[in-house]
Amino acid sequence: MSPQTLSYNDRRLVADWAAACAERVLSLFEVECPEDSRPRDAIARTRAFARGELDTASQIRRRFGGGSTSRDARSPAAVAAARSAGQSSAVCHMGAHALGAAAFAAKAMSIANPDKPLAADEEISWQMDQMTSEVRNALSSLPPVGEHVSGPLGPRLLARGQIGEIIRKLQAAIAVAKKS
């Protein structure tokens, strides 16, 4: 098992937090694509998984049934918001996707607020405030972004650019908060 997977119980814990992160920026997608309920549905499934109402296999099947919503969005903020919802729905099979959901939410906020250079940092602060100690403990067990050879935190999508930078900030904040 990959260290990015987390236990089933930890995935359920971090799923609820990931859903909250994604839900916070959902309106950025819905304003652009009001008829497309796929991101909202993905977040609802993530919350159902967190409550134990969906198992991993059911969630994975449903996750890939509707296609990628980020391809249908036009603005970068809407794309990032859709990706946040998609990352949250992937927590059921690999807990590290929770950091992806948070990072894409912070990216969406920064894109949507170009006049606020600290928008991503403010979003990270909000996300940290939403974490329970159990979520923080689970996320602190993940390897640093970019250092594990495979999985969402490997050297690909989530380790690069603004997303990688945001995850590094989140992981640093989690480490500091855990010591407190």
N, C-alpha and C. Protein backbone atom coordinates (compact mmCIF):
# COMPACT_ATOMS: atom_id res chain seq x y z
N MET A 1 0.85 -1.18 0.00
CA MET A 1 0.00 0.00 0.00
C MET A 1 0.89 1.24 0.00
N SER A 2 0.52 2.22 -0.78
CA SER A 2 1.26 3.47 -0.87
C SER A 2 1.06 4.30 0.41
N PRO A 3 2.10 5.01 0.85
CA PRO A 3 1.93 5.87 2.02
C PRO A 3 0.96 7.02 1.76
N GLN A 4 0.59 7.21 0.50
CA GLN A 4 -0.35 8.28 0.16
C GLN A 4 -1.80 7.84 0.28
N THR A 5 -2.02 6.54 0.49
CA THR A 5 -3.38 6.02 0.54
C THR A 5 -4.11 6.44 1.80
N LEU A 6 -3.50 6.30 2.94
CA LEU A 6 -4.09 6.47 4.27
C LEU A 6 -5.04 5.31 4.56
N SER A 7 -5.32 5.08 5.81
CA SER A 7 -6.26 4.02 6.19
C SER A 7 -7.66 4.43 5.75
N TYR A 8 -8.54 3.45 5.71
CA TYR A 8 -9.93 3.73 5.33
C TYR A 8 -10.54 4.78 6.26
N ASN A 9 -10.34 4.64 7.55
CA ASN A 9 -10.90 5.61 8.51
C ASN A 9 -10.30 6.99 8.32
N ASP A 10 -9.00 7.07 8.07
CA ASP A 10 -8.37 8.38 7.83
C ASP A 10 -8.88 9.00 6.54
N ARG A 11 -9.10 8.19 5.51
CA ARG A 11 -9.65 8.73 4.26
C ARG A 11 -11.03 9.31 4.49
N ARG A 12 -11.83 8.65 5.31
CA ARG A 12 -13.16 9.19 5.61
C ARG A 12 -13.05 10.51 6.36
N LEU A 13 -12.10 10.61 7.27
CA LEU A 13 -11.90 11.87 8.02
C LEU A 13 -11.49 13.01 7.09
N VAL A 14 -10.48 12.76 6.25
CA VAL A 14 -9.98 13.84 5.40
C VAL A 14 -10.92 14.14 4.25
N ALA A 15 -11.81 13.20 3.90
CA ALA A 15 -12.77 13.45 2.83
C ALA A 15 -13.70 14.60 3.17
N ASP A 16 -14.16 14.65 4.39
CA ASP A 16 -15.08 15.73 4.78
C ASP A 16 -14.38 17.08 4.69
N TRP A 17 -13.12 17.14 5.14
CA TRP A 17 -12.35 18.39 5.04
C TRP A 17 -12.12 18.76 3.57
N ALA A 18 -11.77 17.79 2.75
CA ALA A 18 -11.55 18.06 1.32
C ALA A 18 -12.83 18.58 0.67
N ALA A 19 -13.96 18.00 1.04
CA ALA A 19 -15.25 18.47 0.50
C ALA A 19 -15.52 19.91 0.91
N ALA A 20 -15.20 20.26 2.14
CA ALA A 20 -15.40 21.64 2.59
C ALA A 20 -14.53 22.61 1.79
N CYS A 21 -13.29 22.20 1.52
CA CYS A 21 -12.39 23.05 0.72
C CYS A 21 -12.96 23.26 -0.68
N ALA A 22 -13.40 22.18 -1.30
CA ALA A 22 -13.94 22.25 -2.66
C ALA A 22 -15.25 23.03 -2.72
N GLU A 23 -16.10 22.81 -1.73
CA GLU A 23 -17.40 23.48 -1.70
C GLU A 23 -17.26 25.00 -1.58
N ARG A 24 -16.23 25.42 -0.90
CA ARG A 24 -16.01 26.86 -0.69
C ARG A 24 -15.80 27.60 -2.01
N VAL A 25 -15.25 26.94 -3.03
CA VAL A 25 -14.99 27.61 -4.32
C VAL A 25 -15.93 27.14 -5.42
N LEU A 26 -16.87 26.30 -5.09
CA LEU A 26 -17.79 25.73 -6.07
C LEU A 26 -18.52 26.79 -6.89
N SER A 27 -18.87 27.89 -6.27
CA SER A 27 -19.62 28.94 -6.99
C SER A 27 -18.83 29.49 -8.17
N LEU A 28 -17.51 29.44 -8.12
CA LEU A 28 -16.70 29.91 -9.25
C LEU A 28 -16.96 29.08 -10.50
N PHE A 29 -17.25 27.81 -10.31
CA PHE A 29 -17.62 26.95 -11.43
C PHE A 29 -19.08 27.15 -11.80
N GLU A 30 -19.95 27.16 -10.80
CA GLU A 30 -21.38 27.20 -11.06
C GLU A 30 -21.83 28.50 -11.72
N VAL A 31 -21.15 29.59 -11.48
CA VAL A 31 -21.49 30.85 -12.15
C VAL A 31 -21.27 30.71 -13.66
N GLU A 32 -20.23 30.00 -14.01
CA GLU A 32 -19.89 29.81 -15.42
C GLU A 32 -20.70 28.69 -16.07
N CYS A 33 -20.98 27.64 -15.34
CA CYS A 33 -21.67 26.47 -15.87
C CYS A 33 -22.84 26.09 -14.95
N PRO A 34 -23.85 26.96 -14.86
CA PRO A 34 -24.92 26.73 -13.88
C PRO A 34 -25.72 25.44 -14.11
N GLU A 35 -25.74 24.94 -15.31
CA GLU A 35 -26.49 23.73 -15.61
C GLU A 35 -25.71 22.45 -15.32
N ASP A 36 -24.46 22.56 -15.00
CA ASP A 36 -23.59 21.39 -14.80
C ASP A 36 -23.47 21.10 -13.30
N SER A 37 -24.10 20.03 -12.85
CA SER A 37 -24.11 19.69 -11.43
C SER A 37 -23.00 18.70 -11.05
N ARG A 38 -22.15 18.32 -11.98
CA ARG A 38 -21.14 17.29 -11.68
C ARG A 38 -20.20 17.66 -10.52
N PRO A 39 -19.66 18.87 -10.44
CA PRO A 39 -18.81 19.17 -9.27
C PRO A 39 -19.58 19.12 -7.95
N ARG A 40 -20.80 19.66 -7.94
CA ARG A 40 -21.63 19.61 -6.73
C ARG A 40 -21.94 18.17 -6.36
N ASP A 41 -22.23 17.34 -7.37
CA ASP A 41 -22.50 15.93 -7.12
C ASP A 41 -21.25 15.22 -6.57
N ALA A 42 -20.08 15.57 -7.11
CA ALA A 42 -18.83 14.97 -6.63
C ALA A 42 -18.60 15.31 -5.15
N ILE A 43 -18.87 16.55 -4.80
CA ILE A 43 -18.70 16.97 -3.39
C ILE A 43 -19.71 16.25 -2.50
N ALA A 44 -20.94 16.11 -2.98
CA ALA A 44 -21.96 15.38 -2.20
C ALA A 44 -21.55 13.92 -2.01
N ARG A 45 -20.99 13.30 -3.04
CA ARG A 45 -20.52 11.91 -2.90
C ARG A 45 -19.35 11.83 -1.94
N THR A 46 -18.49 12.84 -1.96
CA THR A 46 -17.35 12.87 -1.04
C THR A 46 -17.86 12.93 0.40
N ARG A 47 -18.86 13.76 0.64
CA ARG A 47 -19.43 13.85 1.99
C ARG A 47 -20.13 12.54 2.38
N ALA A 48 -20.80 11.90 1.42
CA ALA A 48 -21.44 10.60 1.69
C ALA A 48 -20.39 9.55 2.04
N PHE A 49 -19.27 9.56 1.33
CA PHE A 49 -18.17 8.65 1.66
C PHE A 49 -17.67 8.94 3.08
N ALA A 50 -17.51 10.20 3.42
CA ALA A 50 -17.02 10.59 4.75
C ALA A 50 -17.97 10.09 5.84
N ARG A 51 -19.26 10.08 5.55
CA ARG A 51 -20.25 9.62 6.53
C ARG A 51 -20.39 8.09 6.55
N GLY A 52 -19.70 7.41 5.64
CA GLY A 52 -19.78 5.95 5.57
C GLY A 52 -20.95 5.45 4.74
N GLU A 53 -21.57 6.32 3.96
CA GLU A 53 -22.73 5.93 3.16
C GLU A 53 -22.34 5.38 1.80
N LEU A 54 -21.11 5.61 1.37
CA LEU A 54 -20.58 5.05 0.11
C LEU A 54 -19.27 4.36 0.43
N ASP A 55 -19.04 3.22 -0.21
CA ASP A 55 -17.75 2.58 -0.04
C ASP A 55 -16.81 3.03 -1.15
N THR A 56 -15.57 2.63 -1.05
CA THR A 56 -14.55 3.07 -2.01
C THR A 56 -14.91 2.67 -3.43
N ALA A 57 -15.30 1.43 -3.65
CA ALA A 57 -15.61 0.95 -5.00
C ALA A 57 -16.77 1.72 -5.61
N SER A 58 -17.83 1.96 -4.83
CA SER A 58 -18.99 2.72 -5.34
C SER A 58 -18.58 4.13 -5.73
N GLN A 59 -17.79 4.75 -4.88
CA GLN A 59 -17.37 6.12 -5.13
C GLN A 59 -16.49 6.20 -6.38
N ILE A 60 -15.59 5.26 -6.56
CA ILE A 60 -14.72 5.27 -7.74
C ILE A 60 -15.56 5.11 -9.01
N ARG A 61 -16.51 4.16 -9.01
CA ARG A 61 -17.35 3.97 -10.20
C ARG A 61 -18.12 5.24 -10.52
N ARG A 62 -18.69 5.87 -9.53
CA ARG A 62 -19.47 7.10 -9.76
C ARG A 62 -18.59 8.26 -10.16
N ARG A 63 -17.38 8.29 -9.64
CA ARG A 63 -16.46 9.39 -9.94
C ARG A 63 -16.16 9.48 -11.43
N PHE A 64 -15.98 8.34 -12.06
CA PHE A 64 -15.58 8.35 -13.46
C PHE A 64 -16.76 8.26 -14.42
N GLY A 65 -17.97 8.25 -13.90
CA GLY A 65 -19.14 8.12 -14.75
C GLY A 65 -19.49 9.37 -15.54
N GLY A 66 -19.16 10.54 -15.05
CA GLY A 66 -19.62 11.76 -15.69
C GLY A 66 -18.60 12.53 -16.49
N GLY A 67 -17.40 12.05 -16.60
CA GLY A 67 -16.37 12.78 -17.34
C GLY A 67 -15.82 13.93 -16.54
N SER A 68 -14.84 14.59 -17.10
CA SER A 68 -14.16 15.68 -16.41
C SER A 68 -14.89 17.00 -16.61
N THR A 69 -15.25 17.63 -15.53
CA THR A 69 -15.93 18.92 -15.61
C THR A 69 -14.94 20.03 -15.92
N SER A 70 -13.67 19.83 -15.57
CA SER A 70 -12.71 20.91 -15.80
C SER A 70 -12.51 21.19 -17.28
N ARG A 71 -12.79 20.21 -18.15
CA ARG A 71 -12.68 20.44 -19.60
C ARG A 71 -13.79 21.33 -20.12
N ASP A 72 -14.91 21.37 -19.41
CA ASP A 72 -16.06 22.15 -19.86
C ASP A 72 -16.02 23.60 -19.40
N ALA A 73 -15.23 23.88 -18.40
CA ALA A 73 -15.12 25.25 -17.90
C ALA A 73 -14.16 26.04 -18.78
N ARG A 74 -14.37 27.34 -18.85
CA ARG A 74 -13.51 28.18 -19.68
C ARG A 74 -12.52 29.00 -18.87
N SER A 75 -12.97 29.59 -17.79
CA SER A 75 -12.07 30.45 -17.03
C SER A 75 -11.14 29.60 -16.14
N PRO A 76 -9.92 30.06 -15.93
CA PRO A 76 -8.99 29.31 -15.07
C PRO A 76 -9.51 29.11 -13.65
N ALA A 77 -10.24 30.07 -13.11
CA ALA A 77 -10.78 29.91 -11.76
C ALA A 77 -11.83 28.80 -11.72
N ALA A 78 -12.70 28.74 -12.72
CA ALA A 78 -13.72 27.69 -12.79
C ALA A 78 -13.08 26.32 -12.98
N VAL A 79 -12.04 26.26 -13.80
CA VAL A 79 -11.30 25.00 -14.01
C VAL A 79 -10.71 24.53 -12.69
N ALA A 80 -10.07 25.42 -11.95
CA ALA A 80 -9.47 25.06 -10.67
C ALA A 80 -10.54 24.61 -9.67
N ALA A 81 -11.68 25.27 -9.67
CA ALA A 81 -12.77 24.88 -8.76
C ALA A 81 -13.29 23.48 -9.11
N ALA A 82 -13.45 23.20 -10.40
CA ALA A 82 -13.88 21.86 -10.82
C ALA A 82 -12.84 20.81 -10.44
N ARG A 83 -11.59 21.14 -10.60
CA ARG A 83 -10.53 20.20 -10.22
C ARG A 83 -10.50 19.96 -8.72
N SER A 84 -10.81 20.98 -7.94
CA SER A 84 -10.90 20.81 -6.50
C SER A 84 -11.97 19.78 -6.15
N ALA A 85 -13.13 19.89 -6.78
CA ALA A 85 -14.21 18.92 -6.55
C ALA A 85 -13.78 17.52 -6.98
N GLY A 86 -13.11 17.43 -8.12
CA GLY A 86 -12.64 16.13 -8.59
C GLY A 86 -11.62 15.51 -7.65
N GLN A 87 -10.71 16.33 -7.14
CA GLN A 87 -9.72 15.82 -6.19
C GLN A 87 -10.40 15.36 -4.90
N SER A 88 -11.42 16.09 -4.46
CA SER A 88 -12.10 15.67 -3.23
C SER A 88 -12.76 14.31 -3.43
N SER A 89 -13.33 14.07 -4.60
CA SER A 89 -13.99 12.79 -4.82
C SER A 89 -13.00 11.64 -4.95
N ALA A 90 -11.73 11.94 -5.19
CA ALA A 90 -10.71 10.90 -5.31
C ALA A 90 -10.14 10.48 -3.96
N VAL A 91 -10.49 11.17 -2.89
CA VAL A 91 -9.98 10.84 -1.56
C VAL A 91 -10.39 9.43 -1.16
N CYS A 92 -11.51 8.93 -1.68
CA CYS A 92 -11.99 7.60 -1.30
C CYS A 92 -10.95 6.52 -1.57
N HIS A 93 -10.14 6.68 -2.60
CA HIS A 93 -9.14 5.64 -2.89
C HIS A 93 -7.72 6.05 -2.51
N MET A 94 -7.46 7.34 -2.33
CA MET A 94 -6.13 7.76 -1.91
C MET A 94 -6.25 9.08 -1.17
N GLY A 95 -5.94 9.05 0.10
CA GLY A 95 -6.11 10.21 0.96
C GLY A 95 -5.35 11.44 0.54
N ALA A 96 -4.23 11.26 -0.16
CA ALA A 96 -3.42 12.40 -0.58
C ALA A 96 -4.19 13.36 -1.48
N HIS A 97 -5.23 12.89 -2.12
CA HIS A 97 -6.04 13.78 -2.96
C HIS A 97 -6.68 14.90 -2.15
N ALA A 98 -6.79 14.74 -0.84
CA ALA A 98 -7.35 15.82 0.00
C ALA A 98 -6.50 17.07 -0.13
N LEU A 99 -5.18 16.89 -0.17
CA LEU A 99 -4.30 18.06 -0.35
C LEU A 99 -4.48 18.65 -1.74
N GLY A 100 -4.77 17.82 -2.73
CA GLY A 100 -5.06 18.33 -4.07
C GLY A 100 -6.33 19.15 -4.09
N ALA A 101 -7.36 18.68 -3.39
CA ALA A 101 -8.62 19.43 -3.33
C ALA A 101 -8.38 20.80 -2.70
N ALA A 102 -7.63 20.82 -1.62
CA ALA A 102 -7.33 22.09 -0.94
C ALA A 102 -6.49 23.01 -1.83
N ALA A 103 -5.49 22.44 -2.49
CA ALA A 103 -4.60 23.25 -3.33
C ALA A 103 -5.34 23.85 -4.51
N PHE A 104 -6.18 23.07 -5.18
CA PHE A 104 -6.94 23.63 -6.30
C PHE A 104 -7.94 24.68 -5.82
N ALA A 105 -8.49 24.51 -4.63
CA ALA A 105 -9.38 25.54 -4.07
C ALA A 105 -8.62 26.83 -3.83
N ALA A 106 -7.43 26.72 -3.25
CA ALA A 106 -6.62 27.93 -3.00
C ALA A 106 -6.20 28.58 -4.32
N LYS A 107 -5.89 27.76 -5.31
CA LYS A 107 -5.54 28.31 -6.63
C LYS A 107 -6.75 29.02 -7.23
N ALA A 108 -7.92 28.42 -7.13
CA ALA A 108 -9.14 29.05 -7.65
C ALA A 108 -9.37 30.41 -7.00
N MET A 109 -9.18 30.48 -5.69
CA MET A 109 -9.37 31.76 -4.99
C MET A 109 -8.35 32.80 -5.44
N SER A 110 -7.11 32.36 -5.66
CA SER A 110 -6.09 33.32 -6.08
C SER A 110 -6.36 33.83 -7.49
N ILE A 111 -6.83 32.98 -8.37
CA ILE A 111 -7.15 33.38 -9.74
C ILE A 111 -8.37 34.31 -9.75
N ALA A 112 -9.36 33.99 -8.93
CA ALA A 112 -10.59 34.77 -8.88
C ALA A 112 -10.39 36.14 -8.23
N ASN A 113 -9.30 36.30 -7.51
CA ASN A 113 -9.02 37.55 -6.80
C ASN A 113 -7.65 38.10 -7.18
N PRO A 114 -7.46 38.48 -8.44
CA PRO A 114 -6.14 38.92 -8.88
C PRO A 114 -5.64 40.18 -8.17
N ASP A 115 -6.56 40.95 -7.60
CA ASP A 115 -6.19 42.16 -6.87
C ASP A 115 -5.76 41.87 -5.43
N LYS A 116 -5.85 40.61 -5.01
CA LYS A 116 -5.47 40.20 -3.66
C LYS A 116 -4.29 39.22 -3.75
N PRO A 117 -3.07 39.71 -3.68
CA PRO A 117 -1.92 38.83 -3.84
C PRO A 117 -1.81 37.73 -2.78
N LEU A 118 -2.49 37.90 -1.66
CA LEU A 118 -2.43 36.90 -0.60
C LEU A 118 -3.68 36.01 -0.55
N ALA A 119 -4.46 36.01 -1.62
CA ALA A 119 -5.71 35.23 -1.63
C ALA A 119 -5.45 33.74 -1.37
N ALA A 120 -4.43 33.17 -2.00
CA ALA A 120 -4.14 31.74 -1.78
C ALA A 120 -3.72 31.50 -0.34
N ASP A 121 -2.89 32.38 0.22
CA ASP A 121 -2.46 32.22 1.61
C ASP A 121 -3.65 32.36 2.57
N GLU A 122 -4.56 33.27 2.28
CA GLU A 122 -5.75 33.43 3.11
C GLU A 122 -6.62 32.17 3.04
N GLU A 123 -6.69 31.57 1.86
CA GLU A 123 -7.47 30.34 1.72
C GLU A 123 -6.81 29.19 2.49
N ILE A 124 -5.49 29.10 2.43
CA ILE A 124 -4.78 28.09 3.20
C ILE A 124 -5.05 28.28 4.70
N SER A 125 -5.06 29.52 5.15
CA SER A 125 -5.36 29.81 6.56
C SER A 125 -6.76 29.33 6.91
N TRP A 126 -7.73 29.63 6.04
CA TRP A 126 -9.10 29.16 6.27
C TRP A 126 -9.14 27.63 6.33
N GLN A 127 -8.45 26.99 5.39
CA GLN A 127 -8.43 25.52 5.35
C GLN A 127 -7.84 24.94 6.63
N MET A 128 -6.77 25.55 7.11
CA MET A 128 -6.16 25.07 8.36
C MET A 128 -7.12 25.23 9.53
N ASP A 129 -7.89 26.31 9.53
CA ASP A 129 -8.87 26.52 10.60
C ASP A 129 -9.98 25.48 10.58
N GLN A 130 -10.23 24.87 9.43
CA GLN A 130 -11.29 23.86 9.30
C GLN A 130 -10.83 22.47 9.72
N MET A 131 -9.53 22.28 9.89
CA MET A 131 -8.98 20.96 10.22
C MET A 131 -9.17 20.62 11.68
N THR A 132 -9.66 19.42 11.90
CA THR A 132 -9.66 18.88 13.26
C THR A 132 -8.27 18.31 13.53
N SER A 133 -7.98 18.02 14.76
CA SER A 133 -6.68 17.42 15.07
C SER A 133 -6.56 16.04 14.41
N GLU A 134 -7.67 15.32 14.26
CA GLU A 134 -7.64 14.01 13.60
C GLU A 134 -7.29 14.16 12.13
N VAL A 135 -7.85 15.14 11.46
CA VAL A 135 -7.53 15.38 10.05
C VAL A 135 -6.07 15.80 9.93
N ARG A 136 -5.64 16.68 10.80
CA ARG A 136 -4.24 17.13 10.79
C ARG A 136 -3.29 15.95 10.99
N ASN A 137 -3.60 15.07 11.93
CA ASN A 137 -2.75 13.90 12.17
C ASN A 137 -2.71 12.99 10.95
N ALA A 138 -3.85 12.76 10.33
CA ALA A 138 -3.89 11.91 9.14
C ALA A 138 -3.07 12.53 8.01
N LEU A 139 -3.27 13.81 7.75
CA LEU A 139 -2.55 14.47 6.65
C LEU A 139 -1.06 14.58 6.94
N SER A 140 -0.69 14.66 8.21
CA SER A 140 0.74 14.77 8.54
C SER A 140 1.49 13.48 8.25
N SER A 141 0.78 12.39 8.09
CA SER A 141 1.44 11.12 7.79
C SER A 141 1.77 10.96 6.30
N LEU A 142 1.29 11.86 5.48
CA LEU A 142 1.57 11.79 4.04
C LEU A 142 3.01 12.21 3.76
N PRO A 143 3.62 11.63 2.72
CA PRO A 143 4.98 12.05 2.37
C PRO A 143 4.98 13.46 1.80
N PRO A 144 6.09 14.16 1.89
CA PRO A 144 6.15 15.51 1.30
C PRO A 144 5.88 15.46 -0.21
N VAL A 145 5.19 16.46 -0.70
CA VAL A 145 4.86 16.52 -2.12
C VAL A 145 6.15 16.47 -2.96
N GLY A 146 6.10 15.67 -4.01
CA GLY A 146 7.22 15.56 -4.94
C GLY A 146 8.30 14.57 -4.57
N GLU A 147 8.20 13.96 -3.38
CA GLU A 147 9.27 13.07 -2.92
C GLU A 147 8.95 11.60 -3.06
N HIS A 148 7.69 11.23 -3.24
CA HIS A 148 7.32 9.83 -3.40
C HIS A 148 7.18 9.57 -4.90
N VAL A 149 7.63 8.42 -5.38
CA VAL A 149 7.71 8.19 -6.82
C VAL A 149 6.38 8.12 -7.54
N SER A 150 5.31 7.77 -6.86
CA SER A 150 4.03 7.66 -7.55
C SER A 150 2.92 8.24 -6.69
N GLY A 151 1.72 8.21 -7.23
CA GLY A 151 0.57 8.75 -6.51
C GLY A 151 0.41 10.23 -6.75
N PRO A 152 -0.66 10.81 -6.21
CA PRO A 152 -0.95 12.22 -6.48
C PRO A 152 0.12 13.18 -5.98
N LEU A 153 0.87 12.80 -4.95
CA LEU A 153 1.90 13.69 -4.44
C LEU A 153 3.26 13.41 -5.09
N GLY A 154 3.29 12.52 -6.07
CA GLY A 154 4.52 12.22 -6.79
C GLY A 154 4.98 13.42 -7.61
N PRO A 155 5.97 13.22 -8.46
CA PRO A 155 6.58 14.35 -9.18
C PRO A 155 5.77 14.88 -10.37
N ARG A 156 4.47 14.64 -10.40
CA ARG A 156 3.65 15.10 -11.53
C ARG A 156 2.77 16.29 -11.15
N LEU A 157 1.53 16.21 -11.51
CA LEU A 157 0.57 17.32 -11.43
C LEU A 157 0.58 18.07 -10.09
N LEU A 158 0.45 17.38 -8.99
CA LEU A 158 0.30 18.07 -7.71
C LEU A 158 1.62 18.58 -7.15
N ALA A 159 2.73 18.22 -7.74
CA ALA A 159 4.03 18.67 -7.22
C ALA A 159 4.56 19.88 -7.97
N ARG A 160 3.91 20.27 -9.02
CA ARG A 160 4.43 21.33 -9.89
C ARG A 160 3.70 22.66 -9.72
N GLY A 161 4.39 23.71 -10.08
CA GLY A 161 3.80 25.04 -10.18
C GLY A 161 3.11 25.51 -8.91
N GLN A 162 2.07 26.29 -9.11
CA GLN A 162 1.35 26.87 -7.98
C GLN A 162 0.73 25.80 -7.09
N ILE A 163 0.24 24.72 -7.68
CA ILE A 163 -0.37 23.64 -6.88
C ILE A 163 0.67 23.04 -5.95
N GLY A 164 1.85 22.73 -6.46
CA GLY A 164 2.91 22.18 -5.63
C GLY A 164 3.32 23.14 -4.53
N GLU A 165 3.40 24.41 -4.88
CA GLU A 165 3.76 25.44 -3.88
C GLU A 165 2.71 25.51 -2.77
N ILE A 166 1.45 25.45 -3.14
CA ILE A 166 0.37 25.50 -2.15
C ILE A 166 0.42 24.27 -1.25
N ILE A 167 0.63 23.10 -1.84
CA ILE A 167 0.68 21.88 -1.02
C ILE A 167 1.88 21.93 -0.08
N ARG A 168 3.00 22.45 -0.54
CA ARG A 168 4.16 22.60 0.35
C ARG A 168 3.82 23.52 1.53
N LYS A 169 3.11 24.61 1.26
CA LYS A 169 2.70 25.51 2.34
C LYS A 169 1.73 24.81 3.29
N LEU A 170 0.79 24.06 2.74
CA LEU A 170 -0.15 23.32 3.58
C LEU A 170 0.58 22.30 4.45
N GLN A 171 1.49 21.55 3.85
CA GLN A 171 2.21 20.55 4.62
C GLN A 171 3.07 21.20 5.71
N ALA A 172 3.66 22.33 5.41
CA ALA A 172 4.45 23.05 6.43
C ALA A 172 3.55 23.54 7.55
N ALA A 173 2.39 24.08 7.20
CA ALA A 173 1.45 24.57 8.21
C ALA A 173 0.92 23.42 9.07
N ILE A 174 0.68 22.28 8.45
CA ILE A 174 0.22 21.10 9.20
C ILE A 174 1.29 20.66 10.19
N ALA A 175 2.53 20.65 9.75
CA ALA A 175 3.64 20.24 10.63
C ALA A 175 3.76 21.18 11.83
N VAL A 176 3.65 22.48 11.57
CA VAL A 176 3.73 23.47 12.66
C VAL A 176 2.55 23.30 13.61
N ALA A 177 1.35 23.15 13.06
CA ALA A 177 0.15 23.02 13.90
C ALA A 177 0.19 21.74 14.72
N LYS A 178 0.75 20.70 14.17
CA LYS A 178 0.81 19.43 14.90
C LYS A 178 1.74 19.54 16.11
N LYS A 179 2.77 20.36 15.99
CA LYS A 179 3.71 20.54 17.10
C LYS A 179 3.11 21.38 18.22
N SER A 180 2.11 22.19 17.88
CA SER A 180 1.52 23.10 18.88
C SER A 180 0.67 22.38 19.89
